Amino acid sequence: MGAETLYDIEDTEDTTKPIKGEVHLEGHDFNYEIYLLPIIGDDQEKVERDLIKRLGNRMQKGKHCLDIDESTVEQNIENEEYSAIVFVENKNHDDIASGTLQYYDWCEEGKNQLWINDLCRLTTSKQSVSPIKALLKVFENLAKKYAKRLNYVHLMVDNEDEEGSKVLIEIYKKYGFDIVTKNKCAMDDPDNEYTLMRKRIKRRLRLTKKTKSKGGRKSKHRK
């Protein structure tokens, strides 16, 4: 299949070092690490092995989170199905989350959308503010930086577990996501295995001050 890269391949020489930063939400502080894929650079193999271990060994009650093991991650990296992998952790508690981002045309529109996948939370000290919320914020910021023409970020909820999917849909609604109807995304899903959702990306308008030169300067905004 192959997802499109977020970064400019021609102008990028190394993506082995993660983009690091902090997110502050409702009195909680989170650290994040962003890896842009495909990984390129001298330490490519080393970084890929580390990502395979980290993403493929997320264990919940003795089972791999979402049934994603090392072989699954390795295959997805090999097939270039990830545009980014992100890890988020609460700075003061054992409460972490991770997920992937895919820049791909699942809606079959002739242009790519941004899809959030593989969301997983692991904790021994559950806090009131979920690291998933911080993770979604990081993904939204990635969209603002690397996909400036897009208006939404998307995700899919697996409907196999009917009760579980209802819970997830309500959680994502609280995070600002809405259900996407078939007329807005014609993904090939005849059996309705997934509920598609999306969230509008909030972009700030950046206005420039008028100058005293003749005629002044028109205000501009970043799309």
Protein backbone atom coordinates (compact mmCIF):
# COMPACT_ATOMS: atom_id res chain seq x y z
CA MET A 1 0.00 0.00 0.00
CA GLY A 2 2.41 2.66 1.20
CA ALA A 3 1.57 5.84 3.08
CA GLU A 4 2.87 9.21 1.92
CA THR A 5 5.61 10.86 3.94
CA LEU A 6 4.93 14.00 5.93
CA TYR A 7 8.43 15.35 5.41
CA ASP A 8 10.08 16.46 2.17
CA ILE A 9 12.28 13.53 1.11
CA GLU A 10 14.49 15.68 -1.11
CA ASP A 11 15.27 18.16 1.67
CA THR A 12 15.60 15.67 4.55
CA GLU A 13 18.73 13.67 5.30
CA ASP A 14 18.01 12.15 8.70
CA THR A 15 14.88 11.24 10.67
CA THR A 16 16.52 8.93 13.21
CA LYS A 17 16.28 11.46 16.02
CA PRO A 18 12.77 11.96 17.42
CA ILE A 19 11.07 15.30 17.68
CA LYS A 20 10.62 15.86 21.42
CA GLY A 21 8.44 18.24 23.34
CA GLU A 22 5.82 18.74 26.05
CA VAL A 23 2.05 19.04 26.18
CA HIS A 24 0.24 20.63 29.12
CA LEU A 25 -3.40 19.67 29.65
CA GLU A 26 -5.64 20.45 32.58
CA GLY A 27 -2.87 20.52 35.15
CA HIS A 28 -1.01 17.49 33.78
CA ASP A 29 2.33 17.54 31.96
CA PHE A 30 3.20 15.09 29.20
CA ASN A 31 6.39 14.38 27.26
CA TYR A 32 6.16 13.24 23.66
CA GLU A 33 8.44 11.71 21.03
CA ILE A 34 7.62 11.86 17.33
CA TYR A 35 9.30 9.68 14.72
CA LEU A 36 8.67 10.61 11.09
CA LEU A 37 8.72 7.63 8.75
CA PRO A 38 10.18 6.12 6.72
CA ILE A 39 13.28 6.37 8.89
CA ILE A 40 16.34 7.55 6.98
CA GLY A 41 19.90 8.15 8.20
CA ASP A 42 22.96 6.29 9.42
CA ASP A 43 21.17 4.73 12.41
CA GLN A 44 18.11 3.66 10.43
CA GLU A 45 18.23 -0.05 11.32
CA LYS A 46 18.88 0.63 15.01
CA VAL A 47 15.98 3.07 15.28
CA GLU A 48 13.63 0.76 13.38
CA ARG A 49 14.49 -2.13 15.72
CA ASP A 50 13.76 0.10 18.71
CA LEU A 51 10.40 1.17 17.25
CA ILE A 52 9.48 -2.44 16.52
CA LYS A 53 10.16 -3.39 20.14
CA ARG A 54 8.37 -0.39 21.63
CA LEU A 55 5.27 -0.55 19.45
CA GLY A 56 5.16 -4.34 19.24
CA ASN A 57 5.37 -5.02 22.99
CA ARG A 58 2.56 -2.90 24.37
CA MET A 59 1.03 -5.43 26.75
CA GLN A 60 -2.42 -5.26 28.37
CA LYS A 61 -3.43 -8.07 30.75
CA GLY A 62 -0.88 -10.39 29.22
CA LYS A 63 -1.90 -9.68 25.62
CA HIS A 64 -0.53 -7.43 22.89
CA CYS A 65 -2.49 -4.21 22.67
CA LEU A 66 -4.77 -4.38 19.60
CA ASP A 67 -3.05 -7.70 18.72
CA ILE A 68 -0.11 -5.70 17.36
CA ASP A 69 3.14 -7.59 17.94
CA GLU A 70 6.69 -7.09 16.70
CA SER A 71 6.10 -8.96 13.45
CA THR A 72 3.12 -6.72 12.64
CA VAL A 73 5.11 -3.54 13.25
CA GLU A 74 8.10 -4.86 11.31
CA GLN A 75 5.91 -5.67 8.32
CA ASN A 76 4.19 -2.29 8.45
CA ILE A 77 7.53 -0.47 8.57
CA GLU A 78 8.80 -2.56 5.67
CA ASN A 79 5.67 -1.76 3.66
CA GLU A 80 5.95 1.94 4.60
CA GLU A 81 2.44 2.03 6.11
CA TYR A 82 3.38 4.55 8.82
CA SER A 83 3.88 8.26 8.25
CA ALA A 84 4.66 8.85 11.94
CA ILE A 85 4.87 7.00 15.25
CA VAL A 86 4.26 8.93 18.46
CA PHE A 87 4.83 8.10 22.14
CA VAL A 88 3.38 10.17 25.00
CA GLU A 89 3.96 9.81 28.74
CA ASN A 90 2.69 11.56 31.85
CA LYS A 91 5.76 13.20 33.38
CA ASN A 92 4.74 12.38 36.94
CA HIS A 93 2.83 9.09 36.67
CA ASP A 94 3.09 5.71 34.97
CA ASP A 95 0.43 6.56 32.39
CA ILE A 96 1.52 6.35 28.74
CA ALA A 97 0.02 6.18 25.26
CA SER A 98 1.20 5.63 21.72
CA GLY A 99 -0.15 5.48 18.21
CA THR A 100 0.62 5.89 14.53
CA LEU A 101 -0.29 8.36 11.82
CA GLN A 102 -0.99 7.43 8.22
CA TYR A 103 -1.15 9.88 5.33
CA TYR A 104 -3.27 7.91 2.88
CA ASP A 105 -6.40 8.17 0.73
CA TRP A 106 -8.75 5.76 2.53
CA CYS A 107 -11.72 7.88 1.40
CA GLU A 108 -10.77 7.33 -2.25
CA GLU A 109 -11.02 11.05 -3.01
CA GLY A 110 -7.90 11.28 -5.14
CA LYS A 111 -6.08 13.06 -2.32
CA ASN A 112 -4.72 11.83 1.01
CA GLN A 113 -6.22 12.23 4.45
CA LEU A 114 -4.48 11.94 7.82
CA TRP A 115 -5.52 8.84 9.77
CA ILE A 116 -4.77 8.19 13.44
CA ASN A 117 -4.30 4.47 14.12
CA ASP A 118 -3.16 1.93 16.72
CA LEU A 119 -4.06 4.02 19.79
CA CYS A 120 -3.12 2.28 23.03
CA ARG A 121 -2.94 3.38 26.67
CA LEU A 122 -0.85 1.54 29.28
CA THR A 123 -0.99 2.55 32.91
CA THR A 124 -0.45 1.43 36.48
CA SER A 125 -1.43 4.86 37.79
CA LYS A 126 -4.51 5.99 35.88
CA GLN A 127 -4.99 9.74 35.92
CA SER A 128 -8.01 11.94 35.26
CA VAL A 129 -6.46 13.31 32.07
CA SER A 130 -5.69 10.48 29.69
CA PRO A 131 -2.41 10.46 27.74
CA ILE A 132 -4.61 9.56 24.76
CA LYS A 133 -5.97 13.10 24.89
CA ALA A 134 -2.41 14.46 24.85
CA LEU A 135 -1.51 12.07 22.04
CA LEU A 136 -4.42 13.28 19.90
CA LYS A 137 -3.25 16.84 20.54
CA VAL A 138 0.21 15.96 19.26
CA PHE A 139 -1.29 14.38 16.13
CA GLU A 140 -3.36 17.51 15.53
CA ASN A 141 -0.24 19.67 15.86
CA LEU A 142 1.55 17.40 13.39
CA ALA A 143 -1.28 17.98 10.93
CA LYS A 144 -0.99 21.74 11.37
CA LYS A 145 2.74 21.65 10.65
CA TYR A 146 3.07 19.06 7.90
CA ALA A 147 -0.34 19.00 6.20
CA LYS A 148 -1.34 22.63 6.08
CA ARG A 149 -3.99 22.17 3.39
CA LEU A 150 -5.96 19.55 5.31
CA ASN A 151 -8.97 20.49 7.41
CA TYR A 152 -9.43 17.25 9.37
CA VAL A 153 -7.70 14.39 11.11
CA HIS A 154 -9.46 11.02 10.88
CA LEU A 155 -9.65 7.76 12.79
CA MET A 156 -11.47 4.43 12.55
CA VAL A 157 -13.26 2.55 15.32
CA ASP A 158 -13.40 -1.23 14.87
CA ASN A 159 -17.04 -2.38 15.23
CA GLU A 160 -16.22 -6.03 15.96
CA ASP A 161 -16.80 -5.48 19.69
CA GLU A 162 -20.15 -3.68 19.53
CA GLU A 163 -20.25 -2.54 23.14
CA GLY A 164 -16.58 -1.58 23.18
CA SER A 165 -16.92 0.40 19.96
CA LYS A 166 -19.84 2.38 21.41
CA VAL A 167 -17.69 3.34 24.39
CA LEU A 168 -14.79 4.42 22.16
CA ILE A 169 -17.06 6.45 19.90
CA GLU A 170 -18.39 8.40 22.87
CA ILE A 171 -14.85 8.98 24.18
CA TYR A 172 -13.68 10.32 20.82
CA LYS A 173 -16.75 12.54 20.61
CA LYS A 174 -15.65 14.12 23.88
CA TYR A 175 -12.28 14.78 22.23
CA GLY A 176 -13.97 16.66 19.38
CA PHE A 177 -14.43 13.90 16.78
CA ASP A 178 -17.65 13.43 14.80
CA ILE A 179 -18.92 10.40 12.90
CA VAL A 180 -18.24 10.61 9.16
CA THR A 181 -21.05 9.55 6.83
CA LYS A 182 -20.47 7.57 3.64
CA ASN A 183 -21.16 10.58 1.44
CA LYS A 184 -18.17 12.35 3.07
CA CYS A 185 -15.79 9.38 2.93
CA ALA A 186 -16.43 6.56 0.49
CA MET A 187 -13.99 4.08 2.05
CA ASP A 188 -14.35 0.53 0.75
CA ASP A 189 -16.11 -0.99 3.77
CA PRO A 190 -19.21 -2.85 2.51
CA ASP A 191 -19.70 -4.77 5.76
CA ASN A 192 -19.45 -1.65 7.95
CA GLU A 193 -16.56 -3.08 9.93
CA TYR A 194 -15.47 0.41 10.97
CA THR A 195 -17.04 3.63 12.19
CA LEU A 196 -15.19 6.53 10.62
CA MET A 197 -14.66 9.72 12.61
CA ARG A 198 -12.93 13.02 12.03
CA LYS A 199 -12.04 16.21 13.85
CA ARG A 200 -11.68 19.65 12.32
CA ILE A 201 -8.18 21.05 12.68
CA LYS A 202 -8.27 24.39 14.46
CA ARG A 203 -5.87 26.82 12.84
CA ARG A 204 -5.05 30.25 14.15
CA LEU A 205 -5.17 33.18 11.79
CA ARG A 206 -1.92 35.09 11.66
CA LEU A 207 -2.53 38.71 10.69
CA THR A 208 0.22 41.11 9.70
CA LYS A 209 0.16 44.71 10.87
CA LYS A 210 -0.43 47.44 8.35
CA THR A 211 2.62 49.44 7.42
CA LYS A 212 2.83 53.15 6.73
CA SER A 213 3.92 52.58 3.17
CA LYS A 214 1.62 53.70 0.37
CA GLY A 215 -1.49 51.61 0.21
CA GLY A 216 -0.49 49.63 3.29
CA ARG A 217 -0.21 45.86 3.32
CA LYS A 218 -3.08 43.45 3.03
CA SER A 219 -3.68 41.16 5.95
CA LYS A 220 -2.59 37.59 5.36
CA HIS A 221 -3.54 34.35 7.00
CA ARG A 222 -1.99 30.95 7.03
CA LYS A 223 -4.16 28.30 5.52
